[in-house]
């Protein structure tokens, strides 16, 4: 995909910064998952989460996600 930006923005932002901004926007609007957003930004999920934290952007983690994670931990530990 090609994206055309105003010259003033293109001059100020690196391609990496633009990708990160796009990824954050897609994540916040729930158009992309954490994994997809991290991939768009070219970062690991941990690094993407650090970027969200630095910007005080909450992650979408509710009771359903917690239950899934607890089930996964139980399966891994054999409980």
Protein backbone atom coordinates (compact mmCIF):
# COMPACT_ATOMS: atom_id res chain seq x y z
CA UNK A 1 0.00 0.00 0.00
CA UNK A 2 1.20 3.49 -0.74
CA UNK A 3 0.27 6.39 1.46
CA UNK A 4 0.71 10.00 0.46
CA UNK A 5 1.33 12.45 3.29
CA UNK A 6 1.64 16.21 3.26
CA UNK A 7 5.25 17.18 2.60
CA UNK A 8 5.54 18.91 5.97
CA UNK A 9 4.71 15.66 7.77
CA UNK A 10 6.85 13.51 5.54
CA UNK A 11 9.83 15.77 6.20
CA UNK A 12 9.40 15.54 9.99
CA UNK A 13 8.65 11.86 10.45
CA UNK A 14 10.80 8.86 9.66
CA UNK A 15 9.19 5.83 8.00
CA UNK A 16 9.54 3.97 11.31
CA UNK A 17 7.77 6.73 13.22
CA UNK A 18 4.98 6.85 10.64
CA UNK A 19 4.53 3.08 10.90
CA UNK A 20 4.37 3.30 14.69
CA UNK A 21 1.79 6.11 14.58
CA UNK A 22 -0.33 4.13 12.12
CA UNK A 23 -0.06 0.99 14.23
CA UNK A 24 -1.06 2.85 17.41
CA UNK A 25 -4.06 4.40 15.66
CA UNK A 26 -5.22 1.05 14.34
CA UNK A 27 -4.76 -0.56 17.75
CA UNK A 28 -6.59 2.19 19.64
CA UNK A 29 -9.51 2.07 17.21
CA UNK A 30 -9.56 -1.72 17.61
CA UNK A 31 -8.97 -2.24 13.89
CA UNK A 32 -5.81 -4.23 14.63
CA UNK A 33 -4.87 -6.64 17.38
CA UNK A 34 -1.82 -6.13 19.53
CA UNK A 35 0.12 -8.61 17.42
CA UNK A 36 -0.96 -7.01 14.15
CA UNK A 37 -0.16 -3.52 15.39
CA UNK A 38 3.27 -4.61 16.59
CA UNK A 39 3.94 -6.17 13.19
CA UNK A 40 2.86 -2.98 11.38
CA UNK A 41 5.20 -0.98 13.61
CA UNK A 42 8.04 -3.44 12.99
CA UNK A 43 8.36 -4.11 16.73
CA UNK A 44 8.03 -7.05 19.07
CA UNK A 45 4.83 -7.12 21.07
CA UNK A 46 6.81 -6.24 24.20
CA UNK A 47 8.37 -3.20 22.52
CA UNK A 48 5.00 -2.11 21.16
CA UNK A 49 3.50 -2.42 24.66
CA UNK A 50 6.34 -0.27 26.03
CA UNK A 51 5.50 2.38 23.41
CA UNK A 52 1.84 2.27 24.43
CA UNK A 53 2.80 2.58 28.08
CA UNK A 54 5.09 5.52 27.41
CA UNK A 55 2.14 7.27 25.78
CA UNK A 56 -0.26 6.17 28.55
CA UNK A 57 -2.43 4.34 26.03
CA UNK A 58 -4.37 1.55 27.73
CA UNK A 59 -4.32 -1.93 26.30
CA UNK A 60 -7.61 -3.72 25.60
CA UNK A 61 -7.44 -6.30 28.36
CA UNK A 62 -10.67 -7.20 30.03
CA UNK A 63 -12.16 -10.12 31.94
CA UNK A 64 -12.44 -12.33 28.85
CA UNK A 65 -8.74 -11.94 28.02
CA UNK A 66 -7.80 -12.58 31.65
CA UNK A 67 -9.85 -15.80 31.68
CA UNK A 68 -8.14 -16.97 28.47
CA UNK A 69 -4.70 -16.22 29.90
CA UNK A 70 -5.50 -18.03 33.16
CA UNK A 71 -6.68 -21.08 31.20
CA UNK A 72 -3.46 -21.04 29.18
CA UNK A 73 -1.35 -20.86 32.34
CA UNK A 74 -3.31 -23.71 33.91
CA UNK A 75 -2.82 -25.82 30.77
CA UNK A 76 0.91 -25.13 30.78
CA UNK A 77 1.30 -25.98 34.45
CA UNK A 78 -0.92 -29.06 34.30
CA UNK A 79 -3.44 -27.80 36.81
